[in-house]
């Protein structure tokens, strides 16, 4: 059975996550005093914090009358039951993470010294560390599951909606049944279910061999299903809506430039994506513009989630520059990078393992550069619908989608322009 012990995990809390927990609006610029307090909390924790992660797999799940039995312990959470049964989970990974007792002790000292501001910023940073550790653990488990041909479900914890926090006592007994077993840090669970130190968390990750079911289970992510009104911490909107159109392609079809007398692009092309999706994406996610010299710039916004294991929203911007129709829409420049303000890219498994290598790969991969846009139709690549960017196969799949959307939009514009010129 799988077991993970990290006594000194790396802590790199994203600034956006820290500010979110501090209660700042997304576009807010903190004052100099706030920045000073935030930096002080980070520096103190970097020098004195003792975070840790522990995880172990438990098999032998039983489901009966809406209850889940794990390792002989019964839990009555309907959310957990629905998640595990809906994805046909065969086991779970039990996880404990903690920011360490030192953070809590220091925060208490600051309060006693009548330093409420310093107390608050360190207290919130401790919470941010816990979230970061859960994300880090998710990445580690996601990598393990992927290598084993399995999929990891989003985590769930006692105290979340529909799961009594008192169940933390039983969950802790499962995670650490043997007091003599090596454990990376101190943790105690009170009878009420409260943890000590409080900047800690216990969680259950379902494990399933049914990858497709796991992808559909992404809707079980707590933040997306929690109906708590006015929550300032929710990562995702409770009610999802489609992103607003970036630009209407029909406006571009009324371009004043002289149309070609015959189509350059194959309007009856066989795409790997169905026409309805291409039509929708060309209207909602693509922006085309003709600049000096007849060069065409294309901007495409990709939206997805990190993976079924974590389900964090991510957005990437694709920039493509093409020659005009006289030069067969040759691909002159390409670029891909996280959209401004995106934090989901930093939650991917490969980013957590080696951020520099992943971002370097994303930045330097430039498929079809220097070739006519029509070549995308003959480009052989492995279909991979996974939304994350962890390996080249998945990244090239997305580049293929981007080129096909651009091809579709330009071929529609070209056909209409030619028809109008020849009428």
Protein backbone atom coordinates (compact mmCIF):
# COMPACT_ATOMS: atom_id res chain seq x y z
CA UNK A 1 0.00 0.00 0.00
CA UNK A 2 1.11 3.52 -0.82
CA UNK A 3 2.54 5.72 1.95
CA UNK A 4 3.97 9.24 1.79
CA UNK A 5 5.96 10.99 4.52
CA UNK A 6 7.37 14.49 4.04
CA UNK A 7 8.89 16.02 7.15
CA UNK A 8 10.18 19.12 5.33
CA UNK A 9 7.92 19.85 2.34
CA UNK A 10 8.67 23.03 0.36
CA UNK A 11 6.38 25.94 1.18
CA UNK A 12 5.77 28.49 -1.55
CA UNK A 13 2.39 30.08 -0.88
CA UNK A 14 1.23 32.01 -4.00
CA UNK A 15 0.71 35.68 -3.27
CA UNK A 16 -2.76 35.59 -4.81
CA UNK A 17 -3.80 32.80 -2.42
CA UNK A 18 -2.44 34.66 0.60
CA UNK A 19 -4.28 37.84 -0.38
CA UNK A 20 -7.47 35.89 -0.98
CA UNK A 21 -7.36 34.50 2.57
CA UNK A 22 -6.57 37.95 3.92
CA UNK A 23 -9.89 39.02 2.43
CA UNK A 24 -8.59 41.36 -0.27
CA UNK A 25 -10.57 41.69 -3.53
CA UNK A 26 -8.81 40.12 -6.51
CA UNK A 27 -7.62 43.40 -8.05
CA UNK A 28 -6.80 45.11 -4.74
CA UNK A 29 -3.36 46.67 -4.22
CA UNK A 30 -2.34 46.29 -0.54
CA UNK A 31 -0.94 49.27 1.33
CA UNK A 32 2.73 49.51 2.24
CA UNK A 33 1.90 48.54 5.84
CA UNK A 34 0.00 45.45 4.68
CA UNK A 35 2.87 44.42 2.42
CA UNK A 36 5.28 44.84 5.32
CA UNK A 37 3.14 42.66 7.61
CA UNK A 38 2.71 40.00 4.92
CA UNK A 39 6.43 39.90 4.22
CA UNK A 40 7.20 39.67 7.93
CA UNK A 41 4.86 36.68 8.33
CA UNK A 42 6.47 34.93 5.39
CA UNK A 43 9.98 35.57 6.65
CA UNK A 44 9.21 34.36 10.15
CA UNK A 45 7.61 31.17 8.89
CA UNK A 46 10.44 30.47 6.44
CA UNK A 47 12.88 30.61 9.35
CA UNK A 48 10.79 28.91 12.04
CA UNK A 49 7.92 26.97 10.49
CA UNK A 50 7.87 23.18 10.62
CA UNK A 51 5.30 21.95 8.04
CA UNK A 52 4.73 18.28 7.29
CA UNK A 53 2.65 15.90 5.17
CA UNK A 54 1.59 12.32 5.81
CA UNK A 55 -0.53 10.07 3.59
CA UNK A 56 -1.33 6.39 3.33
CA UNK A 57 -3.64 4.30 1.19
CA UNK A 58 -6.43 2.22 2.73
CA UNK A 59 -8.29 -0.41 0.68
CA UNK A 60 -11.39 -2.42 1.46
CA UNK A 61 -14.15 0.18 1.11
CA UNK A 62 -17.72 -0.78 1.98
CA UNK A 63 -20.86 1.13 1.00
CA UNK A 64 -24.22 0.59 2.68
CA UNK A 65 -27.33 2.72 3.25
CA UNK A 66 -25.57 5.95 2.30
CA UNK A 67 -22.65 5.28 4.64
CA UNK A 68 -19.01 4.58 3.91
CA UNK A 69 -16.92 2.10 5.89
CA UNK A 70 -13.16 2.65 5.64
CA UNK A 71 -10.84 0.26 7.43
CA UNK A 72 -13.63 -0.74 9.78
CA UNK A 73 -14.65 2.84 10.65
CA UNK A 74 -18.05 4.06 9.47
CA UNK A 75 -18.67 7.58 8.20
CA UNK A 76 -22.07 9.08 7.43
CA UNK A 77 -21.13 11.87 5.01
CA UNK A 78 -23.46 11.79 2.00
CA UNK A 79 -20.98 13.93 0.02
CA UNK A 80 -18.18 11.44 0.62
CA UNK A 81 -20.50 8.54 -0.21
CA UNK A 82 -21.62 10.13 -3.48
CA UNK A 83 -18.05 10.98 -4.49
CA UNK A 84 -16.66 7.49 -3.86
CA UNK A 85 -19.57 5.51 -5.26
CA UNK A 86 -20.08 7.84 -8.24
CA UNK A 87 -16.46 7.36 -9.34
CA UNK A 88 -16.37 3.65 -8.43
CA UNK A 89 -13.50 4.18 -5.99
CA UNK A 90 -11.66 1.06 -4.90
CA UNK A 91 -9.58 2.63 -2.12
CA UNK A 92 -8.83 5.95 -0.44
CA UNK A 93 -5.72 7.85 0.54
CA UNK A 94 -5.95 9.36 4.02
CA UNK A 95 -3.96 12.56 4.40
CA UNK A 96 -2.85 14.68 7.34
CA UNK A 97 -1.04 17.99 6.88
CA UNK A 98 0.05 20.61 9.36
CA UNK A 99 1.75 23.98 9.36
CA UNK A 100 3.31 22.92 12.67
CA UNK A 101 2.80 24.01 16.25
CA UNK A 102 5.43 26.76 15.99
CA UNK A 103 3.15 28.97 13.87
CA UNK A 104 0.30 28.72 16.37
CA UNK A 105 2.60 29.38 19.34
CA UNK A 106 4.13 32.45 17.69
CA UNK A 107 0.72 33.86 16.78
CA UNK A 108 -0.43 33.44 20.40
CA UNK A 109 2.69 35.25 21.58
CA UNK A 110 2.04 38.17 19.22
CA UNK A 111 -1.51 38.48 20.56
CA UNK A 112 -0.26 38.50 24.13
CA UNK A 113 2.23 41.21 23.18
CA UNK A 114 -0.68 43.37 21.94
CA UNK A 115 0.33 43.10 18.30
CA UNK A 116 -3.01 42.28 16.66
CA UNK A 117 -1.90 43.14 13.13
CA UNK A 118 1.14 40.91 13.29
CA UNK A 119 -1.00 38.19 14.89
CA UNK A 120 -3.61 38.36 12.14
CA UNK A 121 -1.17 38.20 9.24
CA UNK A 122 0.73 35.25 10.69
CA UNK A 123 -2.49 33.47 11.61
CA UNK A 124 -3.78 33.83 8.05
CA UNK A 125 -0.43 32.78 6.61
CA UNK A 126 -0.68 29.58 8.66
CA UNK A 127 -4.02 28.89 6.98
CA UNK A 128 -2.47 29.56 3.58
CA UNK A 129 0.31 27.09 4.38
CA UNK A 130 -2.26 24.38 5.17
CA UNK A 131 -4.00 24.97 1.84
CA UNK A 132 -0.65 24.88 0.07
CA UNK A 133 0.27 21.59 1.77
CA UNK A 134 -3.02 20.01 0.71
CA UNK A 135 -2.36 21.15 -2.86
CA UNK A 136 1.19 19.80 -2.67
CA UNK A 137 -0.07 16.48 -1.32
CA UNK A 138 -2.64 16.39 -4.13
CA UNK A 139 0.14 16.80 -6.67
CA UNK A 140 2.21 14.02 -5.13
CA UNK A 141 -0.78 11.67 -5.03
CA UNK A 142 -1.85 12.62 -8.53
CA UNK A 143 1.60 11.65 -9.86
CA UNK A 144 1.50 8.34 -8.00
CA UNK A 145 -2.01 7.55 -9.23
CA UNK A 146 -1.19 8.48 -12.83
CA UNK A 147 1.81 6.14 -12.91
CA UNK A 148 -0.38 3.34 -11.58
CA UNK A 149 -3.09 3.95 -14.20
CA UNK A 150 -5.46 5.27 -11.54
CA UNK A 151 -7.19 8.59 -10.91
CA UNK A 152 -7.48 10.60 -7.73
CA UNK A 153 -10.73 12.24 -6.67
CA UNK A 154 -10.98 15.70 -5.09
CA UNK A 155 -10.39 15.56 -1.35
CA UNK A 156 -13.08 15.86 1.29
CA UNK A 157 -12.73 16.54 5.00
CA UNK A 158 -14.80 16.42 8.19
CA UNK A 159 -16.22 19.88 8.78
CA UNK A 160 -17.01 20.38 5.10
CA UNK A 161 -20.68 20.67 4.15
CA UNK A 162 -22.47 17.41 4.97
CA UNK A 163 -19.73 15.87 7.11
CA UNK A 164 -19.75 16.23 10.89
CA UNK A 165 -16.44 17.60 12.17
CA UNK A 166 -16.59 15.16 15.09
CA UNK A 167 -15.71 12.40 12.61
CA UNK A 168 -12.16 13.71 12.68
CA UNK A 169 -11.63 11.55 15.77
CA UNK A 170 -12.36 8.36 13.82
CA UNK A 171 -10.48 9.59 10.77
CA UNK A 172 -7.40 10.32 12.86
CA UNK A 173 -7.54 6.82 14.33
CA UNK A 174 -7.41 5.46 10.78
CA UNK A 175 -4.58 7.74 9.70
CA UNK A 176 -2.41 7.07 12.73
CA UNK A 177 -3.55 3.81 14.35
CA UNK A 178 -0.13 2.91 15.72
CA UNK A 179 1.32 5.51 18.07
CA UNK A 180 4.75 3.90 17.67
CA UNK A 181 4.68 4.28 13.88
CA UNK A 182 7.01 6.91 12.42
CA UNK A 183 5.15 10.18 11.96
CA UNK A 184 6.50 13.51 10.69
CA UNK A 185 4.96 15.81 13.32
CA UNK A 186 2.81 16.17 16.39
CA UNK A 187 -0.97 16.24 16.01
CA UNK A 188 -3.84 15.63 18.40
CA UNK A 189 -7.60 15.51 17.86
CA UNK A 190 -9.92 16.67 20.64
CA UNK A 191 -13.22 14.95 21.37
CA UNK A 192 -15.04 17.74 19.55
CA UNK A 193 -13.04 17.03 16.40
CA UNK A 194 -10.89 20.13 16.68
CA UNK A 195 -7.23 19.69 15.73
CA UNK A 196 -4.18 20.71 17.71
CA UNK A 197 -2.24 22.46 16.33
CA UNK A 198 -5.24 24.07 14.67
CA UNK A 199 -3.37 24.93 11.46
CA UNK A 200 -3.75 21.32 10.33
CA UNK A 201 -6.15 19.33 8.19
CA UNK A 202 -7.27 15.72 7.72
CA UNK A 203 -8.58 14.68 4.31
CA UNK A 204 -9.80 11.72 2.29
CA UNK A 205 -8.91 11.28 -1.39
CA UNK A 206 -10.76 8.59 -3.30
CA UNK A 207 -8.80 6.40 -5.71
CA UNK A 208 -10.40 4.80 -8.75
CA UNK A 209 -9.26 2.85 -11.81
CA UNK A 210 -12.13 4.46 -13.77
CA UNK A 211 -10.50 7.63 -15.10
CA UNK A 212 -13.58 8.81 -16.99
CA UNK A 213 -15.74 8.58 -13.89
CA UNK A 214 -13.12 10.54 -11.98
CA UNK A 215 -13.28 13.36 -14.53
CA UNK A 216 -17.04 13.54 -14.16
CA UNK A 217 -16.58 13.61 -10.39
CA UNK A 218 -14.85 17.00 -10.67
CA UNK A 219 -18.28 18.52 -9.95
CA UNK A 220 -17.91 17.22 -6.39
CA UNK A 221 -15.18 19.75 -5.57
CA UNK A 222 -16.35 21.36 -2.29
CA UNK A 223 -15.99 25.00 -3.35
CA UNK A 224 -18.11 24.45 -6.45
CA UNK A 225 -20.96 22.77 -4.57
CA UNK A 226 -20.91 24.73 -1.31
CA UNK A 227 -23.90 27.09 -1.18
CA UNK A 228 -22.61 29.24 1.70
CA UNK A 229 -23.81 32.75 0.76
CA UNK A 230 -21.36 35.64 0.64
CA UNK A 231 -18.27 33.43 1.01
CA UNK A 232 -15.17 35.50 0.24
CA UNK A 233 -12.91 32.48 0.06
CA UNK A 234 -14.55 30.43 -2.68
CA UNK A 235 -12.15 29.76 -5.54
CA UNK A 236 -14.90 29.03 -8.07
CA UNK A 237 -18.32 30.63 -8.52
CA UNK A 238 -21.16 28.63 -6.99
CA UNK A 239 -23.12 29.00 -10.22
CA UNK A 240 -20.88 28.73 -13.25
CA UNK A 241 -21.60 30.86 -16.29
CA UNK A 242 -20.07 30.86 -19.74
CA UNK A 243 -17.25 33.38 -20.24
CA UNK A 244 -18.30 36.50 -22.13
CA UNK A 245 -17.38 36.60 -25.81
CA UNK A 246 -13.94 38.04 -26.43
CA UNK A 247 -14.82 39.30 -29.89
CA UNK A 248 -17.45 38.54 -32.49
CA UNK A 249 -15.82 36.91 -35.50
CA UNK A 250 -18.56 38.35 -37.75
CA UNK A 251 -17.18 41.82 -37.19
CA UNK A 252 -13.89 40.62 -38.59
CA UNK A 253 -15.69 39.18 -41.59
CA UNK A 254 -16.60 42.72 -42.67
CA UNK A 255 -12.95 43.62 -43.05
CA UNK A 256 -12.26 46.24 -45.71
CA UNK A 257 -9.19 44.42 -47.01
CA UNK A 258 -9.38 43.03 -50.56
CA UNK A 259 -10.63 39.41 -50.46
CA UNK A 260 -8.81 36.59 -52.15
CA UNK A 261 -10.41 35.38 -55.36
CA UNK A 262 -10.24 31.76 -54.25
CA UNK A 263 -10.13 30.18 -50.80
CA UNK A 264 -6.66 29.35 -49.50
CA UNK A 265 -7.98 27.28 -46.60
CA UNK A 266 -9.96 24.09 -46.93
CA UNK A 267 -13.49 24.98 -45.85
CA UNK A 268 -14.54 21.31 -45.93
CA UNK A 269 -11.63 20.29 -43.74
CA UNK A 270 -11.89 17.25 -41.47
CA UNK A 271 -11.14 18.60 -38.02
CA UNK A 272 -10.49 16.55 -34.90
CA UNK A 273 -13.10 18.72 -33.14
CA UNK A 274 -16.77 18.82 -34.13
CA UNK A 275 -18.01 21.87 -36.02
CA UNK A 276 -20.35 23.00 -33.26
CA UNK A 277 -17.48 23.28 -30.78
CA UNK A 278 -15.32 25.09 -33.31
CA UNK A 279 -18.13 27.54 -34.01
CA UNK A 280 -18.66 28.18 -30.31
CA UNK A 281 -14.97 28.62 -29.51
CA UNK A 282 -14.35 30.87 -32.50
CA UNK A 283 -17.06 33.22 -31.16
CA UNK A 284 -16.32 33.02 -27.44
CA UNK A 285 -12.58 32.42 -27.07
CA UNK A 286 -10.88 33.71 -30.21
CA UNK A 287 -9.88 37.24 -31.16
CA UNK A 288 -8.54 37.96 -34.66
CA UNK A 289 -7.02 41.20 -35.88
CA UNK A 290 -5.33 42.25 -39.11
CA UNK A 291 -2.35 44.53 -38.52
CA UNK A 292 0.25 46.26 -40.67
CA UNK A 293 1.37 44.37 -43.77
CA UNK A 294 -1.70 42.14 -43.75
CA UNK A 295 -0.33 40.07 -40.86
CA UNK A 296 -3.04 38.42 -38.76
CA UNK A 297 -2.80 38.12 -35.00
CA UNK A 298 -4.88 35.51 -33.19
CA UNK A 299 -5.48 35.36 -29.43
CA UNK A 300 -7.17 32.35 -27.86
CA UNK A 301 -8.10 31.86 -24.19
CA UNK A 302 -8.03 28.23 -23.00
CA UNK A 303 -10.01 27.46 -19.86
CA UNK A 304 -9.96 24.19 -17.95
CA UNK A 305 -9.04 22.62 -14.64
CA UNK A 306 -5.74 21.27 -13.37
CA UNK A 307 -6.90 17.64 -13.43
CA UNK A 308 -9.50 15.34 -11.88
CA UNK A 309 -7.32 15.05 -8.80
CA UNK A 310 -7.43 18.69 -7.82
CA UNK A 311 -9.85 20.47 -10.10
CA UNK A 312 -8.37 23.97 -9.75
CA UNK A 313 -9.48 26.32 -12.58
CA UNK A 314 -6.70 27.38 -14.93
CA UNK A 315 -6.50 29.70 -17.92
CA UNK A 316 -3.82 29.94 -20.61
CA UNK A 317 -3.49 32.54 -23.36
CA UNK A 318 -2.31 31.52 -26.82
CA UNK A 319 -0.89 34.11 -29.20
CA UNK A 320 -0.38 33.27 -32.88
CA UNK A 321 0.84 35.55 -35.66
CA UNK A 322 0.15 34.49 -39.26
CA UNK A 323 1.05 35.79 -42.71
CA UNK A 324 -1.82 36.83 -44.95
CA UNK A 325 -3.66 34.59 -47.44
CA UNK A 326 -1.15 35.40 -50.20
CA UNK A 327 1.44 33.53 -48.12
CA UNK A 328 -0.90 30.65 -47.22
CA UNK A 329 -1.38 31.95 -43.67
CA UNK A 330 2.11 30.85 -42.71
CA UNK A 331 2.53 30.60 -38.92
CA UNK A 332 5.10 33.30 -38.08
CA UNK A 333 5.06 33.39 -34.28
CA UNK A 334 3.49 31.41 -31.44
CA UNK A 335 3.37 31.84 -27.67
CA UNK A 336 1.58 30.22 -24.75
CA UNK A 337 1.53 31.43 -21.14
CA UNK A 338 -0.79 31.50 -18.11
CA UNK A 339 -3.45 34.18 -18.39
CA UNK A 340 -2.92 37.29 -16.21
CA UNK A 341 -4.05 36.55 -12.65
CA UNK A 342 -4.24 32.78 -13.19
CA UNK A 343 -3.13 30.69 -10.20
CA UNK A 344 -4.33 27.29 -11.37
CA UNK A 345 -1.19 26.62 -13.44
CA UNK A 346 0.83 26.58 -10.20
CA UNK A 347 -1.35 23.76 -8.82
CA UNK A 348 -0.50 21.23 -11.55
CA UNK A 349 1.36 18.06 -10.63
CA UNK A 350 4.36 18.80 -12.86
CA UNK A 351 4.55 22.40 -11.63
CA UNK A 352 4.66 21.22 -8.03
CA UNK A 353 7.42 18.76 -8.92
CA UNK A 354 9.54 21.08 -11.10
CA UNK A 355 7.98 24.44 -11.89
CA UNK A 356 10.91 25.74 -13.91
CA UNK A 357 11.05 22.75 -16.24
CA UNK A 358 7.30 22.79 -16.90
CA UNK A 359 7.08 26.51 -17.65
CA UNK A 360 10.20 26.31 -19.85
CA UNK A 361 8.61 23.51 -21.88
CA UNK A 362 5.36 25.45 -22.29
CA UNK A 363 7.24 28.56 -23.40
CA UNK A 364 9.57 26.86 -25.89
CA UNK A 365 7.21 24.41 -27.60
CA UNK A 366 6.24 25.98 -30.93
CA UNK A 367 4.59 23.36 -33.13
CA UNK A 368 4.02 24.08 -36.84
CA UNK A 369 6.10 27.26 -36.66
CA UNK A 370 6.96 28.45 -40.18
CA UNK A 371 4.41 26.16 -41.84
CA UNK A 372 1.10 27.01 -43.58
CA UNK A 373 -1.98 26.90 -41.35
CA UNK A 374 -3.47 24.19 -43.58
CA UNK A 375 -0.80 21.80 -42.25
CA UNK A 376 -2.74 21.45 -39.01
CA UNK A 377 -5.19 19.25 -40.91
CA UNK A 378 -2.46 16.67 -41.60
CA UNK A 379 -0.74 17.03 -38.23
CA UNK A 380 -0.76 13.63 -36.53
CA UNK A 381 -0.94 13.96 -32.76
CA UNK A 382 -2.28 11.83 -29.94
CA UNK A 383 -5.73 12.94 -28.72
CA UNK A 384 -5.58 13.76 -25.03
CA UNK A 385 -8.56 15.66 -23.58
CA UNK A 386 -6.97 16.14 -20.15
CA UNK A 387 -7.07 19.83 -19.27
CA UNK A 388 -3.70 20.06 -17.53
CA UNK A 389 -0.30 20.81 -19.10
CA UNK A 390 1.79 18.22 -17.29
CA UNK A 391 3.25 16.44 -20.33
CA UNK A 392 3.99 17.22 -23.97
CA UNK A 393 1.21 15.02 -25.34
CA UNK A 394 -1.43 17.08 -23.52
CA UNK A 395 0.19 20.39 -24.50
CA UNK A 396 0.37 19.49 -28.19
CA UNK A 397 -3.26 18.38 -28.09
CA UNK A 398 -4.21 21.90 -26.96
CA UNK A 399 -2.04 23.54 -29.62
CA UNK A 400 -3.91 21.43 -32.17
CA UNK A 401 -7.23 22.71 -30.85
CA UNK A 402 -6.02 26.31 -31.04
CA UNK A 403 -4.83 25.96 -34.65
CA UNK A 404 -8.06 24.23 -35.67
CA UNK A 405 -10.20 27.01 -34.18
CA UNK A 406 -8.12 29.62 -36.02
CA UNK A 407 -8.32 27.60 -39.25
CA UNK A 408 -12.10 27.26 -38.89
CA UNK A 409 -12.65 30.97 -38.20
CA UNK A 410 -10.40 32.15 -41.03
CA UNK A 411 -11.86 29.67 -43.52
CA UNK A 412 -15.37 30.90 -42.69
CA UNK A 413 -14.30 34.50 -43.14
CA UNK A 414 -12.44 33.69 -46.34
CA UNK A 415 -15.36 31.79 -47.88
CA UNK A 416 -17.81 34.60 -47.16
CA UNK A 417 -15.44 37.23 -48.54
CA UNK A 418 -14.87 35.24 -51.73
CA UNK A 419 -18.61 34.65 -52.17
CA UNK A 420 -19.31 38.37 -51.73
CA UNK A 421 -16.59 39.32 -54.24
CA UNK A 422 -17.83 36.89 -56.86
CA UNK A 423 -21.54 37.68 -56.49
